[in-house]
C-alpha atoms as a PDB file:
ATOM      1  CA  MET A   1      -5.813   5.221  20.130  1.00  0.00           C
ATOM      2  CA  VAL A   2      -5.626   9.407  21.658  1.00  0.00           C
ATOM      3  CA  LEU A   3      -6.363  12.599  19.602  1.00  0.00           C
ATOM      4  CA  LEU A   4      -4.000  14.944  20.205  1.00  0.00           C
ATOM      5  CA  ALA A   5      -5.445  17.715  17.813  1.00  0.00           C
ATOM      6  CA  ALA A   6      -8.656  18.138  16.531  1.00  0.00           C
ATOM      7  CA  ALA A   7      -8.459  18.659  12.462  1.00  0.00           C
ATOM      8  CA  ALA A   8     -10.525  18.216   9.944  1.00  0.00           C
ATOM      9  CA  CYS A   9     -14.184  20.354   8.001  1.00  0.00           C
ATOM     10  CA  ARG A  10     -15.783  23.001   9.943  1.00  0.00           C
ATOM     11  CA  THR A  11     -18.348  22.042   8.588  1.00  0.00           C
ATOM     12  CA  PRO A  12     -19.524  18.967   6.786  1.00  0.00           C
ATOM     13  CA  CYS A  13     -17.074  17.997   3.687  1.00  0.00           C
ATOM     14  CA  ALA A  14     -18.543  15.900   0.460  1.00  0.00           C
ATOM     15  CA  ALA A  15     -16.408  13.796  -0.756  1.00  0.00           C
ATOM     16  CA  GLY A  16     -13.912  15.402  -3.298  1.00  0.00           C
ATOM     17  CA  ALA A  17     -15.079  17.982  -2.971  1.00  0.00           C
ATOM     18  CA  PRO A  18     -13.196  21.590  -2.455  1.00  0.00           C
ATOM     19  CA  ALA A  19     -12.576  23.458   1.079  1.00  0.00           C
ATOM     20  CA  ALA A  20     -13.864  26.754   1.960  1.00  0.00           C
ATOM     21  CA  PRO A  21     -10.666  29.289   0.807  1.00  0.00           C
ATOM     22  CA  GLU A  22     -11.708  30.803   4.989  1.00  0.00           C
ATOM     23  CA  MET A  23     -11.602  27.226   6.200  1.00  0.00           C
ATOM     24  CA  ALA A  24      -8.342  26.372   7.956  1.00  0.00           C
ATOM     25  CA  VAL A  25      -7.723  22.895   8.116  1.00  0.00           C
ATOM     26  CA  ASP A  26      -5.106  21.344  10.388  1.00  0.00           C
ATOM     27  CA  ILE A  27      -2.749  17.809  10.459  1.00  0.00           C
ATOM     28  CA  VAL A  28      -4.864  15.518  12.752  1.00  0.00           C
ATOM     29  CA  GLN A  29      -2.386  14.204  15.254  1.00  0.00           C
ATOM     30  CA  ARG A  30      -3.132  11.117  16.228  1.00  0.00           C
ATOM     31  CA  ARG A  31      -1.606   8.506  18.999  1.00  0.00           C
ATOM     32  CA  VAL A  32      -2.173   5.171  17.821  1.00  0.00           C
ATOM     33  CA  SER A  33      -1.534   1.779  19.418  1.00  0.00           C
ATOM     34  CA  PHE A  34      -0.619  -0.846  16.795  1.00  0.00           C
ATOM     35  CA  ASP A  35      -3.621  -3.003  17.422  1.00  0.00           C
ATOM     36  CA  GLU A  36      -5.739   0.017  16.539  1.00  0.00           C
ATOM     37  CA  ILE A  37      -4.339   0.554  12.721  1.00  0.00           C
ATOM     38  CA  LYS A  38      -6.840  -2.335  11.107  1.00  0.00           C
ATOM     39  CA  ASP A  39      -9.624  -0.261  12.167  1.00  0.00           C
ATOM     40  CA  LEU A  40      -9.047   2.878  11.609  1.00  0.00           C
ATOM     41  CA  VAL A  41      -7.458   1.911   8.091  1.00  0.00           C
ATOM     42  CA  TRP A  42      -9.952  -0.491   6.840  1.00  0.00           C
ATOM     43  CA  LYS A  43     -12.785  -0.889   9.355  1.00  0.00           C
ATOM     44  CA  ARG A  44     -15.054   2.063   7.103  1.00  0.00           C
ATOM     45  CA  GLY A  45     -14.298   0.565   3.920  1.00  0.00           C
ATOM     46  CA  ILE A  46     -17.128  -2.004   4.568  1.00  0.00           C
ATOM     47  CA  ASP A  47     -20.242   0.044   4.337  1.00  0.00           C
ATOM     48  CA  ALA A  48     -18.603   2.485   1.574  1.00  0.00           C
ATOM     49  CA  SER A  49     -19.659   2.702  -2.326  1.00  0.00           C
ATOM     50  CA  TYR A  50     -16.847   3.170  -4.861  1.00  0.00           C
ATOM     51  CA  ALA A  51     -15.978   6.259  -6.180  1.00  0.00           C
ATOM     52  CA  PRO A  52     -14.263   7.012  -9.323  1.00  0.00           C
ATOM     53  CA  THR A  53     -11.043   8.948  -8.571  1.00  0.00           C
ATOM     54  CA  THR A  54     -10.493  12.825  -9.167  1.00  0.00           C
ATOM     55  CA  ALA A  55      -8.656  15.153 -10.906  1.00  0.00           C
ATOM     56  CA  ARG A  56      -8.538  17.386  -7.109  1.00  0.00           C
ATOM     57  CA  GLU A  57      -7.341  13.526  -6.502  1.00  0.00           C
ATOM     58  CA  ARG A  58      -4.901  13.508  -8.834  1.00  0.00           C
ATOM     59  CA  GLU A  59      -3.266  16.840  -7.765  1.00  0.00           C
ATOM     60  CA  ALA A  60      -3.039  16.244  -4.047  1.00  0.00           C
ATOM     61  CA  VAL A  61      -1.555  12.833  -4.220  1.00  0.00           C
ATOM     62  CA  ALA A  62       0.628  14.756  -7.124  1.00  0.00           C
ATOM     63  CA  THR A  63       2.182  17.354  -4.238  1.00  0.00           C
ATOM     64  CA  ILE A  64       1.359  15.812  -1.208  1.00  0.00           C
ATOM     65  CA  LEU A  65       3.790  12.857  -1.206  1.00  0.00           C
ATOM     66  CA  PRO A  66       6.417  13.580  -2.635  1.00  0.00           C
ATOM     67  CA  ALA A  67       6.687  16.889  -0.310  1.00  0.00           C
ATOM     68  CA  MET A  68       6.130  13.927   2.956  1.00  0.00           C
ATOM     69  CA  ILE A  69       8.857  11.413   1.662  1.00  0.00           C
ATOM     70  CA  ALA A  70      11.314  14.887   1.075  1.00  0.00           C
ATOM     71  CA  ALA A  71      10.869  16.252   4.139  1.00  0.00           C
ATOM     72  CA  ALA A  72      10.787  12.497   6.190  1.00  0.00           C
ATOM     73  CA  GLU A  73      14.194  11.774   4.541  1.00  0.00           C
ATOM     74  CA  THR A  74      15.590  14.961   5.438  1.00  0.00           C
ATOM     75  CA  GLY A  75      14.183  15.403   8.953  1.00  0.00           C
ATOM     76  CA  ALA A  76      12.113  18.289   8.289  1.00  0.00           C
ATOM     77  CA  PRO A  77       8.854  18.746   9.667  1.00  0.00           C
ATOM     78  CA  ALA A  78       5.027  18.490   8.151  1.00  0.00           C
ATOM     79  CA  ASP A  79       4.219  21.598   6.033  1.00  0.00           C
ATOM     80  CA  PRO A  80       0.820  22.473   7.649  1.00  0.00           C
ATOM     81  CA  ALA A  81       0.072  23.524   3.876  1.00  0.00           C
ATOM     82  CA  TRP A  82      -0.067  19.486   2.890  1.00  0.00           C
ATOM     83  CA  ALA A  83      -3.513  19.842   4.890  1.00  0.00           C
ATOM     84  CA  GLN A  84      -5.260  22.116   3.261  1.00  0.00           C
ATOM     85  CA  THR A  85      -4.090  20.914  -0.689  1.00  0.00           C
ATOM     86  CA  ALA A  86      -5.516  17.624   0.617  1.00  0.00           C
ATOM     87  CA  ALA A  87      -8.877  19.447   2.006  1.00  0.00           C
ATOM     88  CA  ARG A  88      -9.383  20.575  -1.130  1.00  0.00           C
ATOM     89  CA  ALA A  89      -9.675  16.193  -2.730  1.00  0.00           C
ATOM     90  CA  GLY A  90     -11.719  14.997   0.037  1.00  0.00           C
ATOM     91  CA  PHE A  91      -8.681  14.279   1.886  1.00  0.00           C
ATOM     92  CA  ARG A  92      -6.780  14.771   5.486  1.00  0.00           C
ATOM     93  CA  VAL A  93      -3.218  14.798   6.623  1.00  0.00           C
ATOM     94  CA  GLU A  94      -2.544  12.925  10.228  1.00  0.00           C
ATOM     95  CA  ALA A  95       0.577  12.539  11.910  1.00  0.00           C
ATOM     96  CA  TRP A  96       0.444   9.161  13.781  1.00  0.00           C
ATOM     97  CA  ASP A  97       2.555   8.276  16.826  1.00  0.00           C
ATOM     98  CA  VAL A  98       2.833   4.695  16.928  1.00  0.00           C
ATOM     99  CA  ASP A  99       5.491   3.820  19.129  1.00  0.00           C
ATOM    100  CA  GLY A 100       7.538   7.182  19.463  1.00  0.00           C
ATOM    101  CA  THR A 101       7.890   6.806  16.041  1.00  0.00           C
ATOM    102  CA  THR A 102       6.070   9.462  13.486  1.00  0.00           C
ATOM    103  CA  PHE A 103       4.324   8.079  10.356  1.00  0.00           C
ATOM    104  CA  TRP A 104       2.587  10.531   8.244  1.00  0.00           C
ATOM    105  CA  ALA A 105      -0.964   9.251   6.717  1.00  0.00           C
ATOM    106  CA  LEU A 106      -3.003  10.868   3.383  1.00  0.00           C
ATOM    107  CA  VAL A 107      -6.974   9.237   4.382  1.00  0.00           C
ATOM    108  CA  GLU A 108      -9.737   9.807   3.272  1.00  0.00           C
ATOM    109  CA  VAL A 109     -12.592  12.172   4.956  1.00  0.00           C
ATOM    110  CA  ALA A 110     -15.718  10.635   3.478  1.00  0.00           C
ATOM    111  CA  PRO A 111     -14.795   6.294   2.618  1.00  0.00           C
ATOM    112  CA  ARG A 112     -15.207   5.933  -1.050  1.00  0.00           C
ATOM    113  CA  GLY A 113     -11.890   3.178  -2.048  1.00  0.00           C
ATOM    114  CA  ALA A 114      -9.181   6.031  -2.739  1.00  0.00           C
ATOM    115  CA  GLY A 115      -6.828   4.110  -0.353  1.00  0.00           C
ATOM    116  CA  ALA A 116      -4.621   5.433   1.984  1.00  0.00           C
ATOM    117  CA  TYR A 117      -0.879   6.308   1.818  1.00  0.00           C
ATOM    118  CA  PHE A 118       1.485   6.316   4.748  1.00  0.00           C
ATOM    119  CA  VAL A 119       4.957   7.491   4.452  1.00  0.00           C
ATOM    120  CA  ARG A 120       7.099   7.264   8.158  1.00  0.00           C
ATOM    121  CA  ALA A 121       9.491  10.218   8.529  1.00  0.00           C
ATOM    122  CA  GLY A 122      13.075   9.368  10.485  1.00  0.00           C
ATOM    123  CA  ALA A 123      16.716   8.898   8.316  1.00  0.00           C
ATOM    124  CA  GLY A 124      18.131   5.301   7.317  1.00  0.00           C
ATOM    125  CA  ASP A 125      14.695   3.943   5.652  1.00  0.00           C
ATOM    126  CA  ALA A 126      14.853   1.800   2.404  1.00  0.00           C
ATOM    127  CA  ALA A 127      13.867   3.159  -0.795  1.00  0.00           C
ATOM    128  CA  VAL A 128      10.643   0.948  -0.535  1.00  0.00           C
ATOM    129  CA  LEU A 129       7.489   1.510  -0.979  1.00  0.00           C
ATOM    130  CA  LEU A 130       5.242  -1.553   0.281  1.00  0.00           C
ATOM    131  CA  GLU A 131       1.994  -2.203  -0.859  1.00  0.00           C
ATOM    132  CA  ALA A 132      -1.076  -4.393  -0.047  1.00  0.00           C
ATOM    133  CA  PRO A 133      -3.571  -3.335  -2.628  1.00  0.00           C
ATOM    134  CA  HIS A 134      -6.434  -6.232  -1.959  1.00  0.00           C
ATOM    135  CA  VAL A 135      -7.033  -6.421   1.540  1.00  0.00           C
ATOM    136  CA  TYR A 136     -10.383  -8.153   2.791  1.00  0.00           C
ATOM    137  CA  TYR A 137      -9.801 -10.116  -0.409  1.00  0.00           C
ATOM    138  CA  ASP A 138      -6.205 -11.061   0.574  1.00  0.00           C
ATOM    139  CA  LEU A 139      -6.562 -12.115   3.760  1.00  0.00           C
ATOM    140  CA  LEU A 140      -4.276 -11.434   6.252  1.00  0.00           C
ATOM    141  CA  THR A 141      -1.411  -9.124   3.634  1.00  0.00           C
ATOM    142  CA  GLU A 142      -2.706  -6.372   6.030  1.00  0.00           C
ATOM    143  CA  ASP A 143      -1.757  -7.345   9.093  1.00  0.00           C
ATOM    144  CA  ILE A 144       1.854  -8.949   7.246  1.00  0.00           C
ATOM    145  CA  GLY A 145       1.861  -5.004   5.480  1.00  0.00           C
ATOM    146  CA  ILE A 146       1.312  -3.108   8.512  1.00  0.00           C
ATOM    147  CA  ARG A 147       3.993  -5.391  10.882  1.00  0.00           C
ATOM    148  CA  LEU A 148       6.138  -4.474   8.297  1.00  0.00           C
ATOM    149  CA  PHE A 149       6.097  -0.872   8.154  1.00  0.00           C
ATOM    150  CA  PHE A 150       4.745   0.623  11.804  1.00  0.00           C
ATOM    151  CA  ARG A 151       6.371  -2.337  13.929  1.00  0.00           C
ATOM    152  CA  GLN A 152      10.499  -1.877  14.316  1.00  0.00           C
ATOM    153  CA  GLY A 153      12.185  -5.349  13.456  1.00  0.00           C
ATOM    154  CA  ALA A 154      14.822  -6.899  11.739  1.00  0.00           C
ATOM    155  CA  TRP A 155      14.495  -5.408   8.607  1.00  0.00           C
ATOM    156  CA  ARG A 156      14.919  -2.265   7.298  1.00  0.00           C
ATOM    157  CA  ARG A 157      11.568   0.080   7.835  1.00  0.00           C
ATOM    158  CA  PRO A 158       9.856   0.954   3.907  1.00  0.00           C
ATOM    159  CA  ARG A 159       9.640   4.301   3.292  1.00  0.00           C
ATOM    160  CA  ALA A 160       5.867   4.256   2.581  1.00  0.00           C
ATOM    161  CA  PHE A 161       3.134   1.505   2.795  1.00  0.00           C
ATOM    162  CA  PHE A 162      -0.161   2.120   0.486  1.00  0.00           C
ATOM    163  CA  THR A 163      -3.309   0.075   0.561  1.00  0.00           C
ATOM    164  CA  ASN A 164      -6.883  -0.103  -0.890  1.00  0.00           C
ATOM    165  CA  THR A 165      -9.790   1.051   1.387  1.00  0.00           C
ATOM    166  CA  LEU A 166     -12.118  -0.957  -0.104  1.00  0.00           C
ATOM    167  CA  HIS A 167     -12.739  -4.454  -1.234  1.00  0.00           C
ATOM    168  CA  ARG A 168     -11.710  -5.024  -4.879  1.00  0.00           C
ATOM    169  CA  HIS A 169     -14.731  -6.184  -6.142  1.00  0.00           C
ATOM    170  CA  GLN A 170     -17.414  -4.011  -3.939  1.00  0.00           C
ATOM    171  CA  LEU A 171     -19.508  -1.113  -5.488  1.00  0.00           C
ATOM    172  CA  GLU A 172     -21.470  -0.514  -2.763  1.00  0.00           C
ATOM    173  CA  PRO A 173     -22.724  -1.407   0.373  1.00  0.00           C
ATOM    174  CA  GLY A 174     -22.602  -4.985   0.925  1.00  0.00           C
ATOM    175  CA  LYS A 175     -22.894  -5.235  -2.454  1.00  0.00           C
ATOM    176  CA  ARG A 176     -19.498  -7.246  -4.022  1.00  0.00           C
ATOM    177  CA  VAL A 177     -19.782  -8.873  -7.775  1.00  0.00           C
ATOM    178  CA  ARG A 178     -16.803 -10.181  -9.032  1.00  0.00           C
ATOM    179  CA  ARG A 179     -15.649  -9.126 -12.561  1.00  0.00           C
ATOM    180  CA  THR A 180     -12.225  -8.511 -14.283  1.00  0.00           C
ATOM    181  CA  ASP A 181     -13.026  -5.085 -14.870  1.00  0.00           C
ATOM    182  CA  SER A 182     -14.349  -3.393 -11.284  1.00  0.00           C
ATOM    183  CA  PRO A 183     -12.988  -0.286 -10.915  1.00  0.00           C
ATOM    184  CA  ALA A 184     -12.485  -0.099  -7.016  1.00  0.00           C
ATOM    185  CA  ASP A 185      -9.726  -2.888  -8.118  1.00  0.00           C
ATOM    186  CA  VAL A 186      -6.798  -0.687  -7.717  1.00  0.00           C
ATOM    187  CA  ALA A 187      -4.083  -3.275  -8.968  1.00  0.00           C
ATOM    188  CA  HIS A 188      -6.039  -3.262 -12.570  1.00  0.00           C
ATOM    189  CA  ASN A 189      -7.902  -0.181 -12.735  1.00  0.00           C
ATOM    190  CA  PRO A 190      -5.554   1.963 -14.766  1.00  0.00           C
ATOM    191  CA  ASP A 191      -7.559   5.423 -13.840  1.00  0.00           C
ATOM    192  CA  HIS A 192      -7.081   4.567 -10.159  1.00  0.00           C
ATOM    193  CA  LEU A 193      -6.517   6.996  -7.410  1.00  0.00           C
ATOM    194  CA  PHE A 194      -3.512   4.440  -6.372  1.00  0.00           C
ATOM    195  CA  THR A 195      -1.524   4.091  -9.829  1.00  0.00           C
ATOM    196  CA  ALA A 196      -0.925   8.034  -9.404  1.00  0.00           C
ATOM    197  CA  ALA A 197       0.216   7.714  -6.054  1.00  0.00           C
ATOM    198  CA  THR A 198       2.021   4.858  -6.519  1.00  0.00           C
ATOM    199  CA  GLU A 199       3.970   6.432  -9.472  1.00  0.00           C
ATOM    200  CA  ALA A 200       4.408  10.263  -7.667  1.00  0.00           C
ATOM    201  CA  ALA A 201       6.232   8.453  -4.703  1.00  0.00           C
ATOM    202  CA  ALA A 202       7.961   5.849  -6.946  1.00  0.00           C
ATOM    203  CA  ARG A 203       9.649   8.952  -8.798  1.00  0.00           C
ATOM    204  CA  ALA A 204      10.265  10.706  -4.812  1.00  0.00           C
ATOM    205  CA  LEU A 205      12.097   7.779  -3.763  1.00  0.00           C
ATOM    206  CA  ARG A 206      14.448   7.693  -7.332  1.00  0.00           C
ATOM    207  CA  GLY A 207      15.373   4.654  -7.996  1.00  0.00           C
ATOM    208  CA  ALA A 208      12.234   2.593  -5.450  1.00  0.00           C
ATOM    209  CA  THR A 209      11.444  -1.040  -4.988  1.00  0.00           C
ATOM    210  CA  VAL A 210       7.484  -1.207  -5.548  1.00  0.00           C
ATOM    211  CA  ILE A 211       6.688  -4.507  -3.709  1.00  0.00           C
ATOM    212  CA  GLN A 212       2.949  -5.575  -3.569  1.00  0.00           C
ATOM    213  CA  LEU A 213       1.708  -8.336  -1.133  1.00  0.00           C
ATOM    214  CA  HIS A 214      -0.924 -10.570  -2.428  1.00  0.00           C
ATOM    215  CA  GLY A 215      -2.446 -13.820  -1.621  1.00  0.00           C
ATOM    216  CA  PHE A 216      -3.991 -16.943  -3.693  1.00  0.00           C
ATOM    217  CA  GLY A 217      -5.964 -20.358  -2.971  1.00  0.00           C
ATOM    218  CA  GLN A 218      -5.733 -23.580  -4.281  1.00  0.00           C
ATOM    219  CA  SER A 219      -5.674 -22.070  -7.799  1.00  0.00           C
ATOM    220  CA  ALA A 220      -5.555 -18.263 -10.010  1.00  0.00           C
ATOM    221  CA  ASP A 221      -7.683 -17.154 -12.045  1.00  0.00           C
ATOM    222  CA  ASP A 222      -5.088 -17.817 -14.942  1.00  0.00           C
ATOM    223  CA  GLY A 223      -4.551 -21.346 -14.288  1.00  0.00           C
ATOM    224  CA  SER A 224      -4.147 -24.020 -11.721  1.00  0.00           C
ATOM    225  CA  VAL A 225      -0.981 -23.146  -9.124  1.00  0.00           C
ATOM    226  CA  PRO A 226       2.284 -25.934  -9.229  1.00  0.00           C
ATOM    227  CA  ALA A 227       1.492 -28.449  -6.363  1.00  0.00           C
ATOM    228  CA  GLY A 228       3.724 -27.696  -3.526  1.00  0.00           C
ATOM    229  CA  THR A 229       4.151 -23.726  -4.409  1.00  0.00           C
ATOM    230  CA  ASP A 230       4.345 -21.605  -1.031  1.00  0.00           C
ATOM    231  CA  MET A 231       4.731 -18.264  -3.346  1.00  0.00           C
ATOM    232  CA  VAL A 232       5.010 -16.578  -6.678  1.00  0.00           C
ATOM    233  CA  VAL A 233       7.594 -13.927  -7.068  1.00  0.00           C
ATOM    234  CA  SER A 234       7.405 -11.929 -10.404  1.00  0.00           C
ATOM    235  CA  ALA A 235       8.943  -8.823 -11.547  1.00  0.00           C
ATOM    236  CA  GLY A 236       5.092  -8.807 -14.255  1.00  0.00           C
ATOM    237  CA  ASP A 237       6.984  -9.354 -17.116  1.00  0.00           C
ATOM    238  CA  PRO A 238       6.363 -12.405 -19.210  1.00  0.00           C
ATOM    239  CA  ALA A 239       9.788 -12.481 -20.862  1.00  0.00           C
ATOM    240  CA  GLY A 240      11.550 -12.972 -17.077  1.00  0.00           C
ATOM    241  CA  SER A 241      11.716 -12.157 -13.687  1.00  0.00           C
ATOM    242  CA  SER A 242      14.395  -9.441 -12.732  1.00  0.00           C
ATOM    243  CA  GLU A 243      17.490  -9.048 -10.726  1.00  0.00           C
ATOM    244  CA  ALA A 244      14.647  -7.360  -7.871  1.00  0.00           C
ATOM    245  CA  SER A 245      12.307 -10.196  -8.092  1.00  0.00           C
ATOM    246  CA  SER A 246      14.635 -13.362  -8.883  1.00  0.00           C
ATOM    247  CA  ALA A 247      17.131 -12.230  -5.660  1.00  0.00           C
ATOM    248  CA  ARG A 248      13.870 -11.884  -3.727  1.00  0.00           C
ATOM    249  CA  ALA A 249      12.592 -15.716  -4.362  1.00  0.00           C
ATOM    250  CA  ALA A 250      16.160 -16.809  -4.179  1.00  0.00           C
ATOM    251  CA  GLY A 251      15.903 -15.284  -0.511  1.00  0.00           C
ATOM    252  CA  LEU A 252      12.811 -16.637   0.012  1.00  0.00           C
ATOM    253  CA  LYS A 253      12.968 -20.086  -0.593  1.00  0.00           C
ATOM    254  CA  LYS A 254      15.509 -20.620   2.229  1.00  0.00           C
ATOM    255  CA  ILE A 255      12.311 -19.604   4.436  1.00  0.00           C
ATOM    256  CA  PHE A 256       9.237 -21.503   2.377  1.00  0.00           C
ATOM    257  CA  PRO A 257      10.637 -24.123   0.317  1.00  0.00           C
ATOM    258  CA  GLY A 258       8.128 -24.092  -2.584  1.00  0.00           C
ATOM    259  CA  VAL A 259       8.940 -20.031  -3.509  1.00  0.00           C
ATOM    260  CA  ARG A 260       8.903 -19.832  -7.193  1.00  0.00           C
ATOM    261  CA  ARG A 261       9.710 -17.432 -10.034  1.00  0.00           C
ATOM    262  CA  PHE A 262       7.253 -16.571 -12.791  1.00  0.00           C
ATOM    263  CA  PRO A 263       7.515 -17.177 -15.585  1.00  0.00           C
ATOM    264  CA  GLU A 264      10.382 -19.968 -14.795  1.00  0.00           C
ATOM    265  CA  GLU A 265       9.107 -21.893 -12.305  1.00  0.00           C
ATOM    266  CA  ALA A 266       5.351 -20.640 -12.861  1.00  0.00           C
ATOM    267  CA  ASP A 267       3.214 -19.602 -15.294  1.00  0.00           C
ATOM    268  CA  VAL A 268       0.332 -18.215 -13.304  1.00  0.00           C
ATOM    269  CA  LEU A 269       0.570 -14.872 -11.021  1.00  0.00           C
ATOM    270  CA  GLY A 270       2.762 -13.353 -12.674  1.00  0.00           C
ATOM    271  CA  ALA A 271       0.682  -9.826 -12.147  1.00  0.00           C
ATOM    272  CA  THR A 272       1.284  -9.231 -16.136  1.00  0.00           C
ATOM    273  CA  THR A 273      -1.728  -7.134 -16.399  1.00  0.00           C
ATOM    274  CA  ASN A 274      -1.202  -5.218 -12.936  1.00  0.00           C
ATOM    275  CA  VAL A 275      -1.742  -1.214 -13.221  1.00  0.00           C
ATOM    276  CA  GLN A 276       1.433   0.219 -11.014  1.00  0.00           C
ATOM    277  CA  MET A 277       3.686  -2.625 -12.748  1.00  0.00           C
ATOM    278  CA  LYS A 278       2.524  -1.148 -15.877  1.00  0.00           C
ATOM    279  CA  ALA A 279       2.771   2.560 -14.661  1.00  0.00           C
ATOM    280  CA  LEU A 280       6.608   1.970 -12.912  1.00  0.00           C
ATOM    281  CA  ARG A 281       7.642   1.598 -16.534  1.00  0.00           C
ATOM    282  CA  GLY A 282       8.463   4.963 -16.969  1.00  0.00           C
ATOM    283  CA  VAL A 283       9.857   5.749 -13.826  1.00  0.00           C
ATOM    284  CA  PRO A 284      13.541   5.328 -14.677  1.00  0.00           C
ATOM    285  CA  GLY A 285      15.664   3.133 -11.719  1.00  0.00           C
ATOM    286  CA  SER A 286      11.981   1.975 -10.035  1.00  0.00           C
ATOM    287  CA  SER A 287      11.455  -1.790  -9.680  1.00  0.00           C
ATOM    288  CA  PHE A 288       8.253  -3.952  -9.311  1.00  0.00           C
ATOM    289  CA  VAL A 289       8.008  -6.967  -7.009  1.00  0.00           C
ATOM    290  CA  HIS A 290       5.111  -9.252  -6.825  1.00  0.00           C
ATOM    291  CA  VAL A 291       4.559 -11.839  -3.790  1.00  0.00           C
ATOM    292  CA  GLU A 292       2.135 -14.354  -3.919  1.00  0.00           C
ATOM    293  CA  MET A 293       1.713 -16.212  -1.155  1.00  0.00           C
ATOM    294  CA  SER A 294      -0.542 -19.441   0.171  1.00  0.00           C
ATOM    295  CA  SER A 295      -3.267 -19.142   2.339  1.00  0.00           C
ATOM    296  CA  PRO A 296      -0.501 -21.978   5.020  1.00  0.00           C
ATOM    297  CA  VAL A 297       2.683 -18.952   4.209  1.00  0.00           C
ATOM    298  CA  ARG A 298      -0.018 -15.782   5.502  1.00  0.00           C
ATOM    299  CA  LYS A 299      -1.386 -17.435   8.829  1.00  0.00           C
ATOM    300  CA  ALA A 300       2.721 -18.583   9.510  1.00  0.00           C
ATOM    301  CA  LEU A 301       3.599 -15.263   9.261  1.00  0.00           C
ATOM    302  CA  VAL A 302       1.280 -14.000  11.040  1.00  0.00           C
ATOM    303  CA  ALA A 303       1.491 -16.229  14.060  1.00  0.00           C
ATOM    304  CA  ASP A 304       5.163 -16.965  13.590  1.00  0.00           C
ATOM    305  CA  ALA A 305       7.758 -13.689  14.869  1.00  0.00           C
ATOM    306  CA  ALA A 306      10.366 -15.608  13.539  1.00  0.00           C
ATOM    307  CA  LYS A 307       9.412 -15.956   9.648  1.00  0.00           C
ATOM    308  CA  LEU A 308       8.308 -13.000   9.762  1.00  0.00           C
ATOM    309  CA  ALA A 309      11.475 -11.224  10.664  1.00  0.00           C
ATOM    310  CA  ALA A 310      13.571 -13.629   8.221  1.00  0.00           C
ATOM    311  CA  PHE A 311      10.610 -12.443   5.807  1.00  0.00           C
ATOM    312  CA  GLY A 312      10.926  -8.561   6.522  1.00  0.00           C
ATOM    313  CA  ARG A 313      14.937  -9.201   5.888  1.00  0.00           C
ATOM    314  CA  VAL A 314      14.709 -10.636   2.499  1.00  0.00           C
ATOM    315  CA  LEU A 315      12.033  -8.555   1.339  1.00  0.00           C
ATOM    316  CA  LEU A 316      13.016  -5.183   2.569  1.00  0.00           C
ATOM    317  CA  GLY A 317      17.145  -5.787   3.643  1.00  0.00           C
ATOM    318  CA  GLU A 318      18.866  -5.352   7.029  1.00  0.00           C
END
């Protein structure tokens, strides 16, 4: 990683604390190799404590993320005002150069589980928001997510990529207690910043498809997975699949034969309690696709470039 320009608080900033009015805050410019991305996004969360979403954080994402998306779609440059708005909420705006492509990032100054939010600058992207909400828990979903978002391939890149920055069951460093109502679980805490960010981005993308990457083991929390299941694809609706989820399930079945639709072919892993899915019901034109992958599938997508390319074309288009 090469840091091209320093920026952030000139005096220490507490998480969520406003920047001093006289403080100049700039956008951090970084040249980042693909291999450095995982450490930059997720390493600090291993030793972090969870902090609830603040009003300033909500105001920041509602301002910055739609502005980033609009600028990306029109080819406009980054706005220095983003950095000042972010600083008031304990965030930093960074511009990453990854293999010659610019990505704008909204990241925590101090890690507290508020999430990390990325927008790709440049024309031609699909109106897709890709999310990996359970990194540290659904292993390898982070690898799959960053390959599809940051790397150029035989698929259309999604416009944005959002991810968690703290284990879903971690409230303090070294303490992970499994519970159904963990506030650090971005996919199940309706008050988490991740939901506000998802809704703001979906509105800005005007008819966005939000695709979440998840993983399962031999059994699900809500029951047994049917034998031979490679993936469960769901729209989060117990009444049936959607057009978006059905189309992707059909395409993915050509790559992995054990793909099943929820609820028609599998009655578990349906994302019926997912809070981003619920929030998107209020966003006109948006759709939600929840992709649960077995461990062998996740390993295959990371190890086999051809399988990943086929997977990416189905999810994101060509």
